[in-house]
């Protein structure tokens, strides 16, 4: 990694009910990618990469952070390979509460970031001919209340998890904090994927003139919750730089952070924001 470039990997992994197997697949995948790409500096895993995703599963597969088995495996791997790892997310247990938590590990194996999902996923989509899809993380999980910015090399990276990317306020705050990339491990529901997956990432990228990176589990149409797949890197021009398909797939890509400054210089919206005008608006309560 030079001062303004970063080579990263997205691991769109199959996830089953065997935690040890899921973690081993992740570790073996990262080790293989590092062997094939010696310049690799950052590996990114999916949301809920170590266990099935679903309200009925959360308590069963919850672990403590940082001394649980999954975290210890990621710490050892980061130190062994001397790379950064954004560890997707796992269900964290702290006392009586459960959180959907992303951990970030430095090349020396230390924990440098812990992001508890701020916006818990809730949906109730009604089908045109009856029925529909419902989901509510809040039935089992507690929402986080802290922002998470980590330094990956010389660059500030803002962390969110899946549903967090629907909220432009969070992305704007990360931009204001100096971030040049946002990373969202995401098990995005297949029912929303075709409509909103790419749209949301490109919107966050163009609004804030930075890179947006997502990592999904591979699609499993036989699971209770079906993730969309299509892990993606969007550049600050809001162009899709790389995109995975639906199944198990690994992507290795070089990020050039010079593009961030190029876009911000050529279209200087940050300096043009009229916060004096915006401040006059009196917000109304939602209906």
Protein backbone atom coordinates (compact mmCIF):
# COMPACT_ATOMS: atom_id res chain seq x y z
CA UNK A 1 0.00 0.00 0.00
CA UNK A 2 1.39 3.38 -1.02
CA UNK A 3 0.19 6.53 0.70
CA UNK A 4 -2.76 6.88 -1.68
CA UNK A 5 -3.60 3.36 -2.77
CA UNK A 6 -5.00 0.32 -1.01
CA UNK A 7 -5.38 -3.25 -2.21
CA UNK A 8 -8.42 -4.85 -0.64
CA UNK A 9 -10.32 -8.12 -0.89
CA UNK A 10 -14.04 -8.84 -0.54
CA UNK A 11 -14.92 -12.40 0.48
CA UNK A 12 -18.50 -13.23 -0.52
CA UNK A 13 -18.71 -16.46 1.48
CA UNK A 14 -21.24 -19.25 1.85
CA UNK A 15 -22.53 -19.30 5.41
CA UNK A 16 -23.97 -22.40 7.08
CA UNK A 17 -24.87 -23.57 10.57
CA UNK A 18 -21.35 -24.72 11.54
CA UNK A 19 -19.55 -21.73 13.09
CA UNK A 20 -16.13 -23.39 13.13
CA UNK A 21 -16.46 -24.28 9.45
CA UNK A 22 -17.61 -20.77 8.51
CA UNK A 23 -14.67 -19.19 10.32
CA UNK A 24 -12.24 -21.69 8.82
CA UNK A 25 -13.50 -20.95 5.31
CA UNK A 26 -13.03 -17.24 5.92
CA UNK A 27 -9.52 -17.71 7.27
CA UNK A 28 -8.49 -20.07 4.48
CA UNK A 29 -9.90 -17.68 1.88
CA UNK A 30 -7.98 -14.73 3.28
CA UNK A 31 -4.77 -16.76 3.50
CA UNK A 32 -5.13 -17.88 -0.11
CA UNK A 33 -5.80 -14.36 -1.36
CA UNK A 34 -2.80 -13.02 0.54
CA UNK A 35 -0.58 -15.75 -0.94
CA UNK A 36 -1.82 -14.95 -4.45
CA UNK A 37 -1.70 -11.17 -3.92
CA UNK A 38 1.28 -10.28 -1.69
CA UNK A 39 0.33 -6.57 -1.74
CA UNK A 40 -3.07 -7.29 -0.17
CA UNK A 41 -3.54 -5.02 2.86
CA UNK A 42 -7.23 -5.29 3.79
CA UNK A 43 -9.69 -8.20 3.81
CA UNK A 44 -13.42 -7.57 4.28
CA UNK A 45 -15.92 -10.23 5.38
CA UNK A 46 -19.75 -10.25 5.13
CA UNK A 47 -22.34 -9.40 7.72
CA UNK A 48 -23.11 -12.48 9.85
CA UNK A 49 -20.21 -14.35 8.23
CA UNK A 50 -19.82 -16.91 11.02
CA UNK A 51 -23.43 -18.06 11.54
CA UNK A 52 -26.91 -18.02 9.99
CA UNK A 53 -28.67 -14.66 9.95
CA UNK A 54 -32.11 -14.53 11.54
CA UNK A 55 -33.90 -13.51 14.71
CA UNK A 56 -34.26 -17.12 15.81
CA UNK A 57 -30.50 -17.69 15.43
CA UNK A 58 -29.06 -14.61 17.12
CA UNK A 59 -28.98 -15.79 20.75
CA UNK A 60 -27.77 -19.27 19.87
CA UNK A 61 -24.70 -18.08 17.97
CA UNK A 62 -23.81 -14.99 20.04
CA UNK A 63 -20.20 -14.61 21.24
CA UNK A 64 -18.28 -12.21 23.42
CA UNK A 65 -15.92 -9.62 21.93
CA UNK A 66 -12.91 -9.68 21.84
CA UNK A 67 -12.31 -12.97 23.67
CA UNK A 68 -14.78 -15.17 21.76
CA UNK A 69 -13.58 -17.87 19.38
CA UNK A 70 -14.40 -15.96 16.18
CA UNK A 71 -12.63 -12.78 17.29
CA UNK A 72 -9.59 -14.68 18.49
CA UNK A 73 -9.33 -16.39 15.10
CA UNK A 74 -9.50 -13.03 13.28
CA UNK A 75 -6.92 -11.50 15.61
CA UNK A 76 -4.47 -14.34 15.05
CA UNK A 77 -5.01 -14.23 11.29
CA UNK A 78 -4.48 -10.47 11.03
CA UNK A 79 -1.22 -10.79 12.96
CA UNK A 80 -0.04 -13.83 11.01
CA UNK A 81 -0.61 -12.17 7.62
CA UNK A 82 0.17 -8.61 8.77
CA UNK A 83 -3.01 -7.23 7.22
CA UNK A 84 -6.11 -5.33 8.31
CA UNK A 85 -9.34 -7.32 8.59
CA UNK A 86 -12.83 -5.83 8.69
CA UNK A 87 -14.55 -8.82 10.23
CA UNK A 88 -17.98 -8.52 8.66
CA UNK A 89 -20.26 -8.87 11.65
CA UNK A 90 -21.12 -11.38 14.32
CA UNK A 91 -23.74 -11.35 17.05
CA UNK A 92 -22.09 -9.98 20.17
CA UNK A 93 -23.28 -10.89 23.64
CA UNK A 94 -22.65 -8.41 26.45
CA UNK A 95 -24.42 -9.30 29.69
CA UNK A 96 -28.09 -9.72 28.72
CA UNK A 97 -27.88 -7.75 25.48
CA UNK A 98 -27.14 -8.83 21.93
CA UNK A 99 -25.65 -6.60 19.23
CA UNK A 100 -24.90 -6.98 15.53
CA UNK A 101 -21.22 -6.02 15.66
CA UNK A 102 -18.42 -5.47 13.18
CA UNK A 103 -14.85 -5.80 14.47
CA UNK A 104 -11.78 -4.31 12.79
CA UNK A 105 -8.32 -5.81 13.33
CA UNK A 106 -4.90 -4.24 12.76
CA UNK A 107 -1.86 -6.02 11.27
CA UNK A 108 -0.51 -6.57 14.79
CA UNK A 109 -3.69 -8.44 15.76
CA UNK A 110 -5.15 -5.69 17.93
CA UNK A 111 -8.81 -4.68 17.89
CA UNK A 112 -8.98 -1.12 16.50
CA UNK A 113 -12.72 -0.82 15.84
CA UNK A 114 -16.01 -2.21 17.16
CA UNK A 115 -19.15 -1.02 15.38
CA UNK A 116 -22.50 -2.03 16.80
CA UNK A 117 -25.17 -1.69 14.13
CA UNK A 118 -26.88 1.63 14.78
CA UNK A 119 -30.01 1.21 12.64
CA UNK A 120 -31.63 -2.18 13.22
CA UNK A 121 -33.28 -3.68 10.17
CA UNK A 122 -37.06 -3.58 10.17
CA UNK A 123 -39.28 -4.19 7.17
CA UNK A 124 -42.84 -5.15 6.34
CA UNK A 125 -43.21 -5.45 2.59
CA UNK A 126 -46.68 -6.30 1.34
CA UNK A 127 -46.86 -8.31 -1.87
CA UNK A 128 -49.18 -7.18 -4.65
CA UNK A 129 -51.24 -10.39 -4.48
CA UNK A 130 -51.24 -10.90 -0.72
CA UNK A 131 -48.63 -12.10 1.74
CA UNK A 132 -45.28 -10.38 1.97
CA UNK A 133 -42.06 -10.31 3.95
CA UNK A 134 -41.47 -9.17 7.52
CA UNK A 135 -38.28 -8.89 9.55
CA UNK A 136 -37.37 -7.10 12.78
CA UNK A 137 -33.85 -7.24 14.20
CA UNK A 138 -35.07 -5.23 17.17
CA UNK A 139 -37.02 -8.26 18.40
CA UNK A 140 -33.71 -9.74 19.54
CA UNK A 141 -30.95 -7.14 19.17
CA UNK A 142 -30.03 -3.84 20.80
CA UNK A 143 -29.03 -0.93 18.58
CA UNK A 144 -25.57 0.57 18.89
CA UNK A 145 -25.08 4.24 19.67
CA UNK A 146 -21.50 5.02 18.62
CA UNK A 147 -19.89 6.02 15.33
CA UNK A 148 -16.86 4.00 14.22
CA UNK A 149 -13.97 5.48 12.25
CA UNK A 150 -10.75 3.50 11.84
CA UNK A 151 -7.41 4.26 10.22
CA UNK A 152 -6.50 1.80 7.47
CA UNK A 153 -2.97 2.85 6.66
CA UNK A 154 -3.19 6.63 6.20
CA UNK A 155 -6.90 6.69 5.37
CA UNK A 156 -9.95 7.17 7.58
CA UNK A 157 -12.68 4.60 6.98
CA UNK A 158 -16.22 4.84 8.34
CA UNK A 159 -17.93 1.59 9.33
CA UNK A 160 -21.60 0.73 9.06
CA UNK A 161 -23.56 -2.51 8.81
CA UNK A 162 -26.13 -3.16 6.07
CA UNK A 163 -29.23 -1.11 7.04
CA UNK A 164 -26.94 1.69 8.25
CA UNK A 165 -26.30 2.61 4.62
CA UNK A 166 -29.92 3.69 4.14
CA UNK A 167 -29.27 6.67 6.41
CA UNK A 168 -27.53 9.51 4.60
CA UNK A 169 -26.98 11.40 7.87
CA UNK A 170 -24.52 8.76 9.07
CA UNK A 171 -22.56 8.82 5.83
CA UNK A 172 -22.44 12.64 5.87
CA UNK A 173 -21.08 12.66 9.42
CA UNK A 174 -18.37 10.21 8.39
CA UNK A 175 -17.52 12.49 5.46
CA UNK A 176 -17.33 15.45 7.83
CA UNK A 177 -14.97 13.42 10.04
CA UNK A 178 -12.55 13.07 7.14
CA UNK A 179 -13.40 9.62 5.80
CA UNK A 180 -12.48 8.76 2.23
CA UNK A 181 -14.14 5.32 2.25
CA UNK A 182 -17.22 3.77 3.87
CA UNK A 183 -17.46 0.01 4.41
CA UNK A 184 -20.79 -1.72 5.04
CA UNK A 185 -20.76 -5.51 5.59
CA UNK A 186 -24.28 -6.32 4.40
CA UNK A 187 -26.63 -9.30 4.29
CA UNK A 188 -29.09 -7.28 2.19
CA UNK A 189 -32.46 -8.95 1.70
CA UNK A 190 -33.05 -10.35 -1.79
CA UNK A 191 -36.51 -8.77 -1.91
CA UNK A 192 -34.95 -5.29 -1.79
CA UNK A 193 -31.72 -6.01 -3.64
CA UNK A 194 -32.79 -5.39 -7.24
CA UNK A 195 -34.36 -2.04 -6.28
CA UNK A 196 -31.99 -0.54 -3.75
CA UNK A 197 -28.65 -2.36 -3.38
CA UNK A 198 -26.66 -0.53 -6.06
CA UNK A 199 -28.77 2.62 -5.77
CA UNK A 200 -27.97 3.16 -2.09
CA UNK A 201 -24.25 2.65 -2.55
CA UNK A 202 -24.02 4.99 -5.50
CA UNK A 203 -26.11 7.57 -3.64
CA UNK A 204 -23.83 7.51 -0.59
CA UNK A 205 -20.78 7.70 -2.88
CA UNK A 206 -21.98 10.68 -4.91
CA UNK A 207 -23.42 12.53 -1.90
CA UNK A 208 -20.12 12.36 -0.07
CA UNK A 209 -17.58 11.93 -2.88
CA UNK A 210 -15.87 8.87 -1.44
CA UNK A 211 -15.54 5.12 -1.96
CA UNK A 212 -18.37 2.87 -0.77
CA UNK A 213 -17.64 -0.82 -0.27
CA UNK A 214 -20.10 -3.58 0.64
CA UNK A 215 -19.53 -7.27 1.33
CA UNK A 216 -22.46 -9.69 1.25
CA UNK A 217 -22.75 -13.38 2.05
CA UNK A 218 -23.21 -15.59 -0.98
CA UNK A 219 -26.81 -16.19 -1.93
CA UNK A 220 -28.39 -19.37 -0.55
CA UNK A 221 -31.93 -19.76 -1.82
CA UNK A 222 -32.56 -22.61 0.64
CA UNK A 223 -31.82 -20.55 3.78
CA UNK A 224 -34.50 -18.90 5.88
CA UNK A 225 -33.11 -15.45 5.06
CA UNK A 226 -31.79 -15.02 1.52
CA UNK A 227 -29.01 -12.46 1.04
CA UNK A 228 -28.75 -10.67 -2.30
CA UNK A 229 -25.02 -11.12 -2.93
CA UNK A 230 -23.43 -8.69 -5.42
CA UNK A 231 -20.66 -7.41 -3.12
CA UNK A 232 -19.58 -4.11 -4.61
CA UNK A 233 -17.03 -1.30 -4.78
CA UNK A 234 -18.34 2.11 -5.87
CA UNK A 235 -15.89 4.93 -6.59
CA UNK A 236 -16.31 8.65 -5.70
CA UNK A 237 -17.79 9.36 -9.15
CA UNK A 238 -20.52 6.86 -8.16
CA UNK A 239 -19.31 4.38 -10.79
CA UNK A 240 -19.40 0.67 -9.96
CA UNK A 241 -15.73 -0.28 -9.97
CA UNK A 242 -16.25 -3.99 -9.20
CA UNK A 243 -19.26 -6.19 -8.53
CA UNK A 244 -19.58 -9.85 -7.57
CA UNK A 245 -22.32 -12.16 -8.73
CA UNK A 246 -24.70 -14.13 -6.54
CA UNK A 247 -22.59 -17.08 -5.39
CA UNK A 248 -19.38 -17.60 -3.47
CA UNK A 249 -16.84 -15.20 -5.00
CA UNK A 250 -13.70 -13.36 -3.98
CA UNK A 251 -12.73 -9.96 -5.37
CA UNK A 252 -9.31 -8.32 -5.11
CA UNK A 253 -9.14 -4.68 -6.19
CA UNK A 254 -6.83 -1.70 -5.92
CA UNK A 255 -8.35 1.52 -4.57
CA UNK A 256 -6.81 4.83 -5.67
CA UNK A 257 -7.63 7.51 -3.13
CA UNK A 258 -6.35 10.23 -5.46
CA UNK A 259 -9.77 9.94 -7.11
CA UNK A 260 -11.41 11.21 -3.91
CA UNK A 261 -9.51 14.47 -4.06
CA UNK A 262 -10.00 14.76 -7.83
CA UNK A 263 -13.77 14.52 -7.51
CA UNK A 264 -13.96 16.87 -4.55
CA UNK A 265 -11.81 19.43 -6.32
CA UNK A 266 -13.69 19.29 -9.64
CA UNK A 267 -17.18 19.32 -8.11
CA UNK A 268 -16.72 21.21 -4.81
CA UNK A 269 -20.12 20.57 -3.28
CA UNK A 270 -18.73 20.36 0.24
CA UNK A 271 -17.67 24.02 0.10
CA UNK A 272 -20.93 24.99 -1.60
CA UNK A 273 -23.24 23.60 1.07
CA UNK A 274 -25.48 26.41 2.42
CA UNK A 275 -25.65 25.38 6.05
CA UNK A 276 -26.76 28.94 6.91
CA UNK A 277 -29.90 28.38 4.84
CA UNK A 278 -30.48 24.83 5.96
CA UNK A 279 -30.32 25.93 9.61
CA UNK A 280 -33.40 28.17 9.06
CA UNK A 281 -35.64 25.24 8.29
CA UNK A 282 -37.77 24.11 11.20
CA UNK A 283 -38.03 20.32 11.13
CA UNK A 284 -41.49 18.85 11.44
CA UNK A 285 -42.26 15.63 13.15
CA UNK A 286 -42.78 12.63 10.91
CA UNK A 287 -46.46 11.76 10.39
